[in-house]
Amino acid sequence: MPCGFSKKLISALVCQKDGAILNVNQITKENELSIFDGQLVCATCHSKYEIKNGIANLLNNQNNPEQLMQDEIIARDQEANKYDQRLSVRYYKEIPSTLKMTGDCNSKKIIEYGCGTG
Protein backbone atom coordinates (compact mmCIF):
# COMPACT_ATOMS: atom_id res chain seq x y z
CA MET A 1 0.00 0.00 0.00
CA PRO A 2 1.44 3.45 -0.88
CA CYS A 3 2.30 5.90 1.88
CA GLY A 4 -0.13 8.68 2.66
CA PHE A 5 0.22 12.08 4.29
CA SER A 6 0.44 11.59 8.05
CA LYS A 7 -2.63 12.89 9.89
CA LYS A 8 -0.33 13.94 12.75
CA LEU A 9 1.52 16.33 10.43
CA ILE A 10 -1.58 18.27 9.30
CA SER A 11 -1.16 20.59 12.30
CA ALA A 12 2.32 21.56 11.02
CA LEU A 13 0.89 22.96 7.74
CA VAL A 14 -0.30 26.53 7.28
CA CYS A 15 -2.16 28.42 4.57
CA GLN A 16 0.23 29.88 2.03
CA LYS A 17 -1.90 33.02 1.67
CA ASP A 18 -2.37 34.10 5.28
CA GLY A 19 -0.43 31.67 7.50
CA ALA A 20 -3.58 30.41 9.26
CA ILE A 21 -4.12 26.79 10.26
CA LEU A 22 -5.40 24.23 7.79
CA ASN A 23 -8.20 21.81 8.62
CA VAL A 24 -9.19 18.60 6.89
CA ASN A 25 -12.15 19.49 4.68
CA GLN A 26 -12.67 16.25 2.80
CA ILE A 27 -11.16 12.78 2.75
CA THR A 28 -11.78 10.40 -0.15
CA LYS A 29 -9.11 7.81 0.70
CA GLU A 30 -7.42 7.20 4.05
CA ASN A 31 -6.33 4.71 6.65
CA GLU A 32 -6.04 5.10 10.42
CA LEU A 33 -2.82 7.15 10.28
CA SER A 34 -2.68 8.71 6.81
CA ILE A 35 -4.64 10.57 4.17
CA PHE A 36 -4.10 9.40 0.60
CA ASP A 37 -6.60 11.65 -1.16
CA GLY A 38 -8.50 14.58 0.28
CA GLN A 39 -8.61 18.30 0.79
CA LEU A 40 -7.46 20.80 3.40
CA VAL A 41 -9.09 24.19 3.92
CA CYS A 42 -7.78 27.38 5.54
CA ALA A 43 -9.61 28.29 8.75
CA THR A 44 -9.69 32.02 7.86
CA CYS A 45 -9.56 32.63 4.09
CA HIS A 46 -11.05 29.24 3.10
CA SER A 47 -8.39 28.52 0.47
CA LYS A 48 -8.36 24.84 -0.43
CA TYR A 49 -5.33 22.57 -0.77
CA GLU A 50 -5.46 19.10 -2.32
CA ILE A 51 -3.89 15.95 -0.94
CA LYS A 52 -3.38 13.54 -3.82
CA ASN A 53 -1.55 10.23 -3.62
CA GLY A 54 -0.43 11.18 -0.11
CA ILE A 55 1.14 14.50 -1.13
CA ALA A 56 -0.22 17.81 0.16
CA ASN A 57 -0.02 20.45 -2.60
CA LEU A 58 0.51 23.85 -0.96
CA LEU A 59 1.48 25.59 -4.20
CA ASN A 60 -1.83 25.57 -6.04
CA ASN A 61 -3.27 28.67 -4.31
CA GLN A 62 -0.24 30.91 -4.53
CA ASN A 63 -0.24 33.82 -6.93
CA ASN A 64 1.97 32.98 -9.91
CA PRO A 65 3.69 29.89 -8.42
CA GLU A 66 6.10 29.70 -11.37
CA GLN A 67 7.50 33.16 -10.59
CA LEU A 68 7.64 32.41 -6.87
CA MET A 69 9.62 29.25 -7.61
CA GLN A 70 12.04 31.11 -9.88
CA ASP A 71 12.55 33.80 -7.20
CA GLU A 72 13.20 31.08 -4.61
CA ILE A 73 15.74 29.33 -6.84
CA ILE A 74 17.62 32.58 -7.46
CA ALA A 75 17.64 33.48 -3.76
CA ARG A 76 18.87 30.02 -2.72
CA ASP A 77 21.55 29.95 -5.40
CA GLN A 78 22.88 33.32 -4.19
CA GLU A 79 23.10 32.06 -0.61
CA ALA A 80 24.19 28.46 -1.30
CA ASN A 81 27.79 28.85 -0.10
CA LYS A 82 26.73 30.54 3.14
CA TYR A 83 23.96 27.98 3.67
CA ASP A 84 26.29 25.00 3.35
CA GLN A 85 28.84 26.58 5.70
CA ARG A 86 26.21 26.82 8.47
CA LEU A 87 24.85 23.28 8.06
CA SER A 88 26.15 22.01 11.40
CA VAL A 89 24.57 24.95 13.27
CA ARG A 90 21.17 24.40 11.65
CA TYR A 91 21.25 20.64 12.12
CA TYR A 92 20.51 20.87 15.83
CA LYS A 93 17.64 23.29 15.22
CA GLU A 94 16.02 21.59 12.22
CA ILE A 95 16.56 17.84 12.35
CA PRO A 96 15.39 17.00 15.90
CA SER A 97 12.17 19.04 15.57
CA THR A 98 11.44 17.52 12.15
CA LEU A 99 12.00 13.97 13.39
CA LYS A 100 9.86 14.63 16.47
CA MET A 101 6.90 15.53 14.23
CA THR A 102 7.27 12.31 12.19
CA GLY A 103 7.05 10.01 15.23
CA ASP A 104 8.50 6.51 15.18
CA CYS A 105 10.41 6.11 11.90
CA ASN A 106 11.84 2.64 12.49
CA SER A 107 11.41 0.40 9.42
CA LYS A 108 9.91 3.28 7.43
CA LYS A 109 11.09 5.08 4.32
CA ILE A 110 11.27 8.88 4.68
CA ILE A 111 11.58 11.40 1.86
CA GLU A 112 13.48 14.55 2.82
CA TYR A 113 11.91 17.23 0.63
CA GLY A 114 13.46 20.31 2.25
CA CYS A 115 17.03 19.55 1.31
CA GLY A 116 18.36 23.11 1.10
CA THR A 117 20.95 23.37 -1.62
CA GLY A 118 20.50 19.74 -2.48
C-alpha atoms as a PDB file:
ATOM      1  CA  MET A   1       0.000   0.000   0.000  1.00  0.00           C
ATOM      2  CA  PRO A   2       1.440   3.455  -0.880  1.00  0.00           C
ATOM      3  CA  CYS A   3       2.296   5.900   1.882  1.00  0.00           C
ATOM      4  CA  GLY A   4      -0.130   8.680   2.659  1.00  0.00           C
ATOM      5  CA  PHE A   5       0.221  12.085   4.285  1.00  0.00           C
ATOM      6  CA  SER A   6       0.439  11.591   8.053  1.00  0.00           C
ATOM      7  CA  LYS A   7      -2.627  12.892   9.891  1.00  0.00           C
ATOM      8  CA  LYS A   8      -0.331  13.942  12.753  1.00  0.00           C
ATOM      9  CA  LEU A   9       1.518  16.328  10.432  1.00  0.00           C
ATOM     10  CA  ILE A  10      -1.581  18.265   9.304  1.00  0.00           C
ATOM     11  CA  SER A  11      -1.156  20.589  12.298  1.00  0.00           C
ATOM     12  CA  ALA A  12       2.316  21.560  11.016  1.00  0.00           C
ATOM     13  CA  LEU A  13       0.888  22.958   7.741  1.00  0.00           C
ATOM     14  CA  VAL A  14      -0.303  26.534   7.279  1.00  0.00           C
ATOM     15  CA  CYS A  15      -2.164  28.416   4.572  1.00  0.00           C
ATOM     16  CA  GLN A  16       0.228  29.877   2.026  1.00  0.00           C
ATOM     17  CA  LYS A  17      -1.902  33.017   1.669  1.00  0.00           C
ATOM     18  CA  ASP A  18      -2.373  34.101   5.283  1.00  0.00           C
ATOM     19  CA  GLY A  19      -0.434  31.674   7.503  1.00  0.00           C
ATOM     20  CA  ALA A  20      -3.577  30.406   9.258  1.00  0.00           C
ATOM     21  CA  ILE A  21      -4.123  26.794  10.262  1.00  0.00           C
ATOM     22  CA  LEU A  22      -5.399  24.228   7.793  1.00  0.00           C
ATOM     23  CA  ASN A  23      -8.196  21.813   8.620  1.00  0.00           C
ATOM     24  CA  VAL A  24      -9.195  18.600   6.894  1.00  0.00           C
ATOM     25  CA  ASN A  25     -12.151  19.490   4.685  1.00  0.00           C
ATOM     26  CA  GLN A  26     -12.668  16.251   2.804  1.00  0.00           C
ATOM     27  CA  ILE A  27     -11.161  12.776   2.746  1.00  0.00           C
ATOM     28  CA  THR A  28     -11.782  10.401  -0.146  1.00  0.00           C
ATOM     29  CA  LYS A  29      -9.115   7.805   0.703  1.00  0.00           C
ATOM     30  CA  GLU A  30      -7.416   7.199   4.053  1.00  0.00           C
ATOM     31  CA  ASN A  31      -6.334   4.713   6.651  1.00  0.00           C
ATOM     32  CA  GLU A  32      -6.038   5.099  10.415  1.00  0.00           C
ATOM     33  CA  LEU A  33      -2.815   7.146  10.277  1.00  0.00           C
ATOM     34  CA  SER A  34      -2.684   8.714   6.814  1.00  0.00           C
ATOM     35  CA  ILE A  35      -4.645  10.567   4.169  1.00  0.00           C
ATOM     36  CA  PHE A  36      -4.103   9.396   0.601  1.00  0.00           C
ATOM     37  CA  ASP A  37      -6.600  11.655  -1.160  1.00  0.00           C
ATOM     38  CA  GLY A  38      -8.504  14.578   0.277  1.00  0.00           C
ATOM     39  CA  GLN A  39      -8.605  18.296   0.792  1.00  0.00           C
ATOM     40  CA  LEU A  40      -7.461  20.805   3.404  1.00  0.00           C
ATOM     41  CA  VAL A  41      -9.089  24.193   3.918  1.00  0.00           C
ATOM     42  CA  CYS A  42      -7.780  27.383   5.539  1.00  0.00           C
ATOM     43  CA  ALA A  43      -9.606  28.291   8.748  1.00  0.00           C
ATOM     44  CA  THR A  44      -9.690  32.017   7.857  1.00  0.00           C
ATOM     45  CA  CYS A  45      -9.559  32.633   4.090  1.00  0.00           C
ATOM     46  CA  HIS A  46     -11.053  29.244   3.098  1.00  0.00           C
ATOM     47  CA  SER A  47      -8.391  28.524   0.468  1.00  0.00           C
ATOM     48  CA  LYS A  48      -8.355  24.840  -0.430  1.00  0.00           C
ATOM     49  CA  TYR A  49      -5.331  22.565  -0.765  1.00  0.00           C
ATOM     50  CA  GLU A  50      -5.459  19.103  -2.317  1.00  0.00           C
ATOM     51  CA  ILE A  51      -3.888  15.951  -0.944  1.00  0.00           C
ATOM     52  CA  LYS A  52      -3.383  13.541  -3.822  1.00  0.00           C
ATOM     53  CA  ASN A  53      -1.552  10.230  -3.623  1.00  0.00           C
ATOM     54  CA  GLY A  54      -0.426  11.183  -0.112  1.00  0.00           C
ATOM     55  CA  ILE A  55       1.143  14.505  -1.134  1.00  0.00           C
ATOM     56  CA  ALA A  56      -0.224  17.814   0.159  1.00  0.00           C
ATOM     57  CA  ASN A  57      -0.023  20.448  -2.595  1.00  0.00           C
ATOM     58  CA  LEU A  58       0.512  23.846  -0.962  1.00  0.00           C
ATOM     59  CA  LEU A  59       1.483  25.594  -4.198  1.00  0.00           C
ATOM     60  CA  ASN A  60      -1.832  25.569  -6.037  1.00  0.00           C
ATOM     61  CA  ASN A  61      -3.271  28.670  -4.312  1.00  0.00           C
ATOM     62  CA  GLN A  62      -0.241  30.907  -4.526  1.00  0.00           C
ATOM     63  CA  ASN A  63      -0.239  33.821  -6.926  1.00  0.00           C
ATOM     64  CA  ASN A  64       1.967  32.979  -9.908  1.00  0.00           C
ATOM     65  CA  PRO A  65       3.692  29.893  -8.421  1.00  0.00           C
ATOM     66  CA  GLU A  66       6.097  29.696 -11.367  1.00  0.00           C
ATOM     67  CA  GLN A  67       7.500  33.161 -10.594  1.00  0.00           C
ATOM     68  CA  LEU A  68       7.640  32.406  -6.868  1.00  0.00           C
ATOM     69  CA  MET A  69       9.617  29.250  -7.611  1.00  0.00           C
ATOM     70  CA  GLN A  70      12.037  31.113  -9.883  1.00  0.00           C
ATOM     71  CA  ASP A  71      12.548  33.796  -7.205  1.00  0.00           C
ATOM     72  CA  GLU A  72      13.196  31.077  -4.611  1.00  0.00           C
ATOM     73  CA  ILE A  73      15.740  29.327  -6.840  1.00  0.00           C
ATOM     74  CA  ILE A  74      17.621  32.584  -7.460  1.00  0.00           C
ATOM     75  CA  ALA A  75      17.641  33.482  -3.758  1.00  0.00           C
ATOM     76  CA  ARG A  76      18.866  30.021  -2.718  1.00  0.00           C
ATOM     77  CA  ASP A  77      21.555  29.945  -5.399  1.00  0.00           C
ATOM     78  CA  GLN A  78      22.876  33.321  -4.194  1.00  0.00           C
ATOM     79  CA  GLU A  79      23.095  32.056  -0.608  1.00  0.00           C
ATOM     80  CA  ALA A  80      24.194  28.464  -1.298  1.00  0.00           C
ATOM     81  CA  ASN A  81      27.793  28.850  -0.097  1.00  0.00           C
ATOM     82  CA  LYS A  82      26.729  30.541   3.145  1.00  0.00           C
ATOM     83  CA  TYR A  83      23.959  27.977   3.670  1.00  0.00           C
ATOM     84  CA  ASP A  84      26.285  25.002   3.350  1.00  0.00           C
ATOM     85  CA  GLN A  85      28.843  26.583   5.700  1.00  0.00           C
ATOM     86  CA  ARG A  86      26.210  26.818   8.466  1.00  0.00           C
ATOM     87  CA  LEU A  87      24.853  23.285   8.057  1.00  0.00           C
ATOM     88  CA  SER A  88      26.149  22.007  11.398  1.00  0.00           C
ATOM     89  CA  VAL A  89      24.571  24.952  13.271  1.00  0.00           C
ATOM     90  CA  ARG A  90      21.172  24.403  11.646  1.00  0.00           C
ATOM     91  CA  TYR A  91      21.255  20.643  12.117  1.00  0.00           C
ATOM     92  CA  TYR A  92      20.508  20.873  15.831  1.00  0.00           C
ATOM     93  CA  LYS A  93      17.638  23.289  15.218  1.00  0.00           C
ATOM     94  CA  GLU A  94      16.017  21.587  12.223  1.00  0.00           C
ATOM     95  CA  ILE A  95      16.562  17.839  12.345  1.00  0.00           C
ATOM     96  CA  PRO A  96      15.386  17.000  15.904  1.00  0.00           C
ATOM     97  CA  SER A  97      12.174  19.040  15.565  1.00  0.00           C
ATOM     98  CA  THR A  98      11.437  17.516  12.151  1.00  0.00           C
ATOM     99  CA  LEU A  99      11.997  13.971  13.388  1.00  0.00           C
ATOM    100  CA  LYS A 100       9.862  14.635  16.468  1.00  0.00           C
ATOM    101  CA  MET A 101       6.899  15.534  14.227  1.00  0.00           C
ATOM    102  CA  THR A 102       7.270  12.313  12.193  1.00  0.00           C
ATOM    103  CA  GLY A 103       7.053  10.008  15.233  1.00  0.00           C
ATOM    104  CA  ASP A 104       8.495   6.507  15.175  1.00  0.00           C
ATOM    105  CA  CYS A 105      10.408   6.108  11.902  1.00  0.00           C
ATOM    106  CA  ASN A 106      11.842   2.640  12.491  1.00  0.00           C
ATOM    107  CA  SER A 107      11.413   0.403   9.425  1.00  0.00           C
ATOM    108  CA  LYS A 108       9.906   3.281   7.428  1.00  0.00           C
ATOM    109  CA  LYS A 109      11.092   5.077   4.321  1.00  0.00           C
ATOM    110  CA  ILE A 110      11.271   8.877   4.675  1.00  0.00           C
ATOM    111  CA  ILE A 111      11.578  11.403   1.859  1.00  0.00           C
ATOM    112  CA  GLU A 112      13.476  14.553   2.816  1.00  0.00           C
ATOM    113  CA  TYR A 113      11.911  17.225   0.633  1.00  0.00           C
ATOM    114  CA  GLY A 114      13.457  20.308   2.247  1.00  0.00           C
ATOM    115  CA  CYS A 115      17.032  19.552   1.306  1.00  0.00           C
ATOM    116  CA  GLY A 116      18.355  23.105   1.104  1.00  0.00           C
ATOM    117  CA  THR A 117      20.952  23.373  -1.624  1.00  0.00           C
ATOM    118  CA  GLY A 118      20.503  19.737  -2.477  1.00  0.00           C
END
